[in-house]
Protein backbone atom coordinates (compact mmCIF):
# COMPACT_ATOMS: atom_id res chain seq x y z
CA MET A 1 11.49 -10.40 10.56
CA LEU A 2 7.94 -9.36 10.77
CA ILE A 3 7.85 -9.25 14.50
CA ARG A 4 6.48 -6.20 16.40
CA PRO A 5 6.35 -3.86 19.47
CA ILE A 6 3.76 -5.28 21.52
CA ARG A 7 2.80 -1.91 23.57
CA PHE A 8 0.60 0.24 21.36
CA SER A 9 3.24 3.63 22.34
CA ALA A 10 6.00 1.57 21.19
CA PHE A 11 4.63 0.66 18.03
CA ILE A 12 3.88 4.40 17.19
CA GLY A 13 6.96 5.97 18.47
CA SER A 14 8.61 3.33 16.35
CA TYR A 15 6.65 3.15 13.30
CA PRO A 16 5.19 6.91 13.01
CA VAL A 17 4.45 6.48 9.75
CA VAL A 18 2.58 3.33 9.54
CA SER A 19 0.53 4.43 12.14
CA ALA A 20 -0.36 7.42 10.69
CA ILE A 21 -1.69 5.75 7.71
CA PHE A 22 -3.51 3.21 9.70
CA LEU A 23 -5.07 5.95 11.82
CA ALA A 24 -5.99 8.15 8.78
CA GLN A 25 -7.71 5.14 6.79
CA CYS A 26 -9.59 4.09 10.01
CA LEU A 27 -10.85 7.80 10.87
CA LEU A 28 -12.16 8.07 7.35
CA PHE A 29 -13.88 5.02 7.43
CA ALA A 30 -15.75 6.02 10.40
CA ALA A 31 -16.34 9.64 8.82
CA MET A 32 -17.87 7.99 6.16
CA ARG A 33 -20.46 5.70 8.30
CA LEU A 34 -21.31 8.78 9.98
CA PRO A 35 -25.33 9.81 9.99
CA VAL A 36 -24.20 13.78 10.25
CA LEU A 37 -21.88 13.23 7.56
CA PRO A 38 -22.11 13.51 3.87
CA THR A 39 -21.01 9.84 3.41
CA GLN A 40 -21.56 9.47 -0.12
CA THR A 41 -20.20 12.69 -1.01
CA LEU A 42 -16.91 11.63 0.79
CA TYR A 43 -16.56 8.42 -1.31
CA GLU A 44 -17.53 10.16 -4.39
CA THR A 45 -14.96 12.56 -3.97
CA LEU A 46 -12.19 10.61 -2.90
CA SER A 47 -12.17 7.49 -4.86
CA GLY A 48 -10.84 6.70 -7.94
CA VAL A 49 -12.79 7.33 -10.96
CA ASN A 50 -10.89 7.38 -14.00
CA LEU A 51 -13.52 9.75 -16.04
CA TYR A 52 -12.84 12.49 -13.18
CA ILE A 53 -9.31 11.58 -13.41
CA ALA A 54 -9.24 12.65 -17.17
CA GLN A 55 -11.31 15.54 -16.01
CA GLY A 56 -8.19 16.98 -14.26
CA GLU A 57 -8.94 15.68 -10.69
CA ILE A 58 -5.61 13.94 -10.16
CA TRP A 59 -6.07 14.08 -6.44
CA ARG A 60 -7.64 10.79 -7.27
CA LEU A 61 -4.55 8.99 -7.71
CA VAL A 62 -3.48 9.16 -4.26
CA SER A 63 -6.70 9.48 -2.40
CA PRO A 64 -8.17 5.78 -2.90
CA VAL A 65 -5.30 4.50 -0.76
CA PHE A 66 -7.13 5.90 2.09
CA VAL A 67 -10.92 4.82 1.15
CA HIS A 68 -12.09 1.48 2.16
CA ILE A 69 -15.73 0.05 0.55
CA ASP A 70 -16.52 -1.91 3.78
CA PHE A 71 -15.37 -2.79 7.22
CA SER A 72 -13.78 -6.29 6.30
CA HIS A 73 -12.06 -4.54 3.07
CA LEU A 74 -10.54 -2.32 5.86
CA LEU A 75 -9.75 -5.09 8.00
CA LEU A 76 -7.78 -6.92 5.73
CA ASN A 77 -6.13 -4.03 3.98
CA SER A 78 -5.00 -2.72 7.76
CA PHE A 79 -4.12 -6.13 8.81
CA SER A 80 -1.47 -6.18 5.51
CA LEU A 81 -0.29 -2.91 6.25
CA LEU A 82 0.60 -3.64 10.04
CA LEU A 83 2.11 -6.90 9.17
CA LEU A 84 4.22 -5.75 6.05
CA GLY A 85 4.76 -2.14 6.73
CA PRO A 86 7.02 -1.67 9.97
CA CYS A 87 9.78 -3.76 9.04
CA LEU A 88 10.45 -1.45 5.86
CA GLU A 89 9.79 1.49 7.39
CA ARG A 90 12.55 0.73 10.14
CA LEU A 91 15.06 -0.18 7.17
CA ALA A 92 13.66 2.70 4.49
CA GLY A 93 13.63 5.49 7.41
CA LYS A 94 10.19 7.37 7.65
CA TRP A 95 10.97 9.40 4.67
CA LYS A 96 11.69 6.84 2.13
CA PHE A 97 8.76 4.62 3.41
CA THR A 98 6.73 7.19 2.72
CA LEU A 99 7.67 7.56 -1.16
CA LEU A 100 7.84 3.92 -1.63
CA TYR A 101 4.11 3.25 0.37
CA PHE A 102 2.51 6.14 -1.84
CA GLY A 103 4.77 5.98 -4.68
CA CYS A 104 3.14 2.52 -5.31
CA GLY A 105 -0.01 3.64 -4.66
CA CYS A 106 -0.15 5.69 -7.28
CA CYS A 107 1.38 3.82 -9.77
CA ALA A 108 -1.19 1.43 -9.08
CA ASN A 109 -4.17 4.14 -9.94
CA LEU A 110 -1.90 5.57 -12.71
CA ALA A 111 -2.27 1.79 -14.55
CA SER A 112 -6.03 1.72 -13.36
CA PHE A 113 -6.25 4.76 -14.99
CA PHE A 114 -4.39 4.10 -18.40
CA LEU A 115 -5.47 0.27 -18.88
CA LEU A 116 -9.05 0.38 -17.65
CA PRO A 117 -11.88 2.15 -19.35
CA LEU A 118 -12.92 5.30 -18.23
CA THR A 119 -16.21 4.06 -16.47
CA TYR A 120 -14.18 2.26 -14.24
CA SER A 121 -13.68 3.51 -10.26
CA HIS A 122 -12.18 1.40 -7.50
CA ALA A 123 -11.05 2.46 -3.74
CA GLY A 124 -8.43 0.50 -1.76
CA ALA A 125 -4.82 0.47 -1.04
CA SER A 126 -3.93 -2.98 -2.35
CA GLY A 127 -2.08 -1.36 -5.11
CA ALA A 128 0.24 0.25 -2.23
CA LEU A 129 0.54 -3.07 -0.46
CA PHE A 130 1.40 -5.04 -2.95
CA GLY A 131 4.17 -2.36 -3.73
CA LEU A 132 5.28 -3.23 -0.24
CA ILE A 133 5.03 -6.94 -1.25
CA GLY A 134 7.74 -5.54 -4.17
CA ALA A 135 9.82 -4.22 -2.05
CA TYR A 136 10.30 -6.88 0.06
CA VAL A 137 11.17 -9.06 -3.13
CA ALA A 138 13.56 -6.14 -4.27
CA LEU A 139 15.23 -6.50 -0.36
CA VAL A 140 16.12 -9.90 -1.19
CA TRP A 141 18.39 -8.98 -4.87
CA VAL A 142 19.82 -5.71 -3.33
CA GLY A 143 22.38 -6.84 -1.06
CA GLU A 144 20.78 -6.22 2.52
CA ASP A 145 21.83 -8.95 5.00
CA VAL A 146 18.78 -11.15 4.75
CA PRO A 147 18.91 -14.76 6.47
CA LYS A 148 17.50 -17.64 4.07
CA THR A 149 14.55 -18.68 5.99
CA SER A 150 13.45 -14.98 5.77
CA ARG A 151 14.18 -14.83 1.57
CA GLN A 152 11.57 -18.00 1.47
CA THR A 153 9.11 -16.48 3.61
CA ILE A 154 9.21 -13.09 1.50
CA LEU A 155 9.08 -15.03 -1.72
CA SER A 156 6.35 -17.28 -0.57
CA ILE A 157 4.45 -14.51 0.42
CA ALA A 158 4.50 -12.62 -2.76
CA VAL A 159 3.65 -15.65 -4.73
CA ILE A 160 0.59 -16.52 -2.41
CA SER A 161 -0.41 -12.96 -2.41
CA VAL A 162 -0.50 -12.85 -6.13
CA VAL A 163 -2.07 -16.22 -6.79
CA THR A 164 -5.13 -15.35 -4.29
CA ALA A 165 -5.48 -11.79 -5.78
CA MET A 166 -5.71 -13.04 -8.85
CA MET A 167 -8.48 -15.73 -7.90
CA GLN A 168 -10.56 -12.87 -6.52
CA PRO A 169 -13.51 -12.15 -8.66
CA GLY A 170 -14.23 -8.23 -9.16
CA ALA A 171 -10.66 -7.23 -7.89
CA ASN A 172 -8.60 -5.04 -9.32
CA HIS A 173 -5.83 -6.94 -10.95
CA THR A 174 -4.48 -4.02 -13.01
CA ALA A 175 -3.61 -2.42 -9.52
CA HIS A 176 -2.33 -5.51 -7.69
CA LEU A 177 0.50 -6.56 -10.49
CA SER A 178 1.28 -2.60 -11.33
CA GLY A 179 1.68 -2.00 -7.29
CA LEU A 180 4.00 -4.75 -7.12
CA VAL A 181 6.45 -4.17 -10.11
CA ALA A 182 6.37 -0.34 -9.02
CA GLY A 183 7.55 -1.82 -5.53
CA MET A 184 10.26 -4.31 -6.89
CA LEU A 185 11.41 -1.33 -9.17
CA LEU A 186 11.14 1.92 -6.47
CA GLY A 187 11.73 -0.28 -3.40
CA GLY A 188 15.00 -1.53 -5.01
CA MET A 189 16.37 1.43 -5.56
CA LEU A 190 15.26 3.27 -1.86
CA LEU A 191 16.79 0.53 -0.16
CA GLN A 192 19.67 0.13 -2.15
CA ARG A 193 20.48 3.86 -1.68
CA LYS A 194 20.28 3.44 2.17
CA ALA A 195 22.25 0.35 2.02
CA ALA A 196 25.22 1.88 0.23
CA SER A 197 24.99 4.93 2.28
CA PRO A 198 28.17 5.20 4.72
CA ALA A 199 27.18 3.86 8.21
């Protein structure tokens, strides 16, 4: 279920949204480390800062999805995107997958805004990625023809991811859990509509 095309060109052609997100976050990460650019300004402008969101900078409900603190952060989230994203993009289609990914990311950032202090700031795609895990969980329950082994794999990945995330000190657990729930709800609706549509 998680098998991908090997050739780079085939991957881009098959999964344009996943490829575009991956490229965008990598280019932004590179730009934030070039000495000729105001790297700190880029981070301060795009990261999720609750105080600034309260003052009307609502783009910060989406932009943190593209921002990563260091290379290990980027590497982990990029690997997760390339592992989890393609199958869902194929099942849902590129527009519904786009709505799923950024919808879950936005829900996670909204939860961080409402449930965490105004002084709280964050960055990363964890909320959106946990949304993809939630969508896989929903996939098991919306009538799709998912083999038993794939069901077990999906549920195992979901449980392991939640437990591992909760054990990480300093991680935004609010974003993780809210992204997961958003993915289950939004993914269930999007995948169910696709399943119910005529062939």
